[in-house]
Amino acid sequence: MLTLDDFRVMPFERKCDVITFHGNYLMQRVLADCKVFLYFTEGFFIEVFYSPKHQKVLMINAFDNTQGLKPYLDKISLADLLS
């Protein structure tokens, strides 16, 4: 089982492999000129900061606390649950 600490110390290329093959895409948001993609895997969340202008991933951030989900809360709709 992959832990958050294991993921954090992986080389960039290996992190990309984990996201591609084991990450479950949840949603995205926009932050300045970046698109931030949110994934979930192995009990933690992963954010991928992508620059469309430069066409590359700028940063990968991983966390396991709900505090890190705050920027996504306004994008979640509960309407489907109510109908």
Protein backbone atom coordinates (compact mmCIF):
# COMPACT_ATOMS: atom_id res chain seq x y z
CA MET A 1 0.00 0.00 0.00
CA LEU A 2 1.29 3.42 -0.97
CA THR A 3 1.38 6.02 1.80
CA LEU A 4 1.29 9.78 1.56
CA ASP A 5 4.87 9.98 2.85
CA ASP A 6 6.01 7.44 0.22
CA PHE A 7 4.36 9.49 -2.50
CA ARG A 8 5.87 12.76 -1.34
CA VAL A 9 9.45 11.46 -1.64
CA MET A 10 8.99 9.85 -5.06
CA PRO A 11 10.67 11.33 -8.12
CA PHE A 12 8.42 13.50 -10.29
CA GLU A 13 8.12 10.89 -13.06
CA ARG A 14 7.00 8.19 -10.61
CA LYS A 15 4.39 10.54 -9.12
CA CYS A 16 3.03 11.04 -12.63
CA ASP A 17 2.82 7.26 -13.09
CA VAL A 18 0.90 6.84 -9.82
CA ILE A 19 -1.57 9.55 -10.83
CA THR A 20 -2.02 8.15 -14.34
CA PHE A 21 -2.48 4.50 -13.39
CA HIS A 22 -3.95 4.64 -9.87
CA GLY A 23 -5.42 8.11 -9.42
CA ASN A 24 -9.16 8.66 -9.52
CA TYR A 25 -9.94 12.01 -11.11
CA LEU A 26 -12.38 14.04 -9.02
CA MET A 27 -12.55 17.57 -10.40
CA GLN A 28 -10.62 20.64 -11.48
CA ARG A 29 -10.41 24.31 -10.63
CA VAL A 30 -8.64 27.34 -12.02
CA LEU A 31 -5.98 29.18 -10.03
CA ALA A 32 -4.50 32.21 -11.77
CA ASP A 33 -3.15 30.88 -15.09
CA CYS A 34 -3.14 27.24 -13.94
CA LYS A 35 -5.60 24.43 -14.07
CA VAL A 36 -5.51 22.39 -10.87
CA PHE A 37 -6.69 18.79 -11.22
CA LEU A 38 -7.74 16.89 -8.09
CA TYR A 39 -7.24 13.13 -7.79
CA PHE A 40 -7.75 10.59 -5.00
CA THR A 41 -5.70 7.44 -4.45
CA GLU A 42 -4.66 5.16 -1.59
CA GLY A 43 -6.30 7.32 1.08
CA PHE A 44 -4.94 10.73 0.08
CA PHE A 45 -5.59 13.52 -2.41
CA ILE A 46 -3.28 14.76 -5.14
CA GLU A 47 -3.39 18.12 -6.89
CA VAL A 48 -1.72 18.54 -10.26
CA PHE A 49 -0.97 22.16 -11.18
CA TYR A 50 -0.88 22.42 -14.97
CA SER A 51 0.01 25.48 -17.04
CA PRO A 52 -1.81 25.55 -20.39
CA LYS A 53 0.43 28.46 -21.43
CA HIS A 54 3.61 26.45 -20.92
CA GLN A 55 1.94 23.07 -21.58
CA LYS A 56 3.49 21.39 -18.59
CA VAL A 57 2.89 20.31 -15.03
CA LEU A 58 4.33 22.91 -12.68
CA MET A 59 3.77 21.19 -9.36
CA ILE A 60 2.22 18.16 -7.69
CA ASN A 61 0.83 18.55 -4.19
CA ALA A 62 -0.43 15.68 -2.01
CA PHE A 63 -2.42 15.89 1.22
CA ASP A 64 -4.69 13.81 3.40
CA ASN A 65 -6.62 16.39 5.38
CA THR A 66 -9.99 17.87 4.52
CA GLN A 67 -8.59 21.39 4.89
CA GLY A 68 -6.94 20.96 1.48
CA LEU A 69 -10.35 20.43 -0.12
CA LYS A 70 -11.66 23.92 0.76
CA PRO A 71 -10.86 25.42 -2.68
CA TYR A 72 -13.13 22.78 -4.27
CA LEU A 73 -16.20 23.12 -2.04
CA ASP A 74 -17.91 25.79 -4.10
CA LYS A 75 -17.77 23.49 -7.14
CA ILE A 76 -19.62 20.58 -5.49
CA SER A 77 -23.34 20.38 -6.18
CA LEU A 78 -25.64 18.42 -3.92
CA ALA A 79 -28.63 18.95 -6.22
CA ASP A 80 -28.49 15.39 -7.56
CA LEU A 81 -28.69 14.04 -4.02
CA LEU A 82 -31.85 16.00 -3.30
CA SER A 83 -33.82 14.77 -6.30
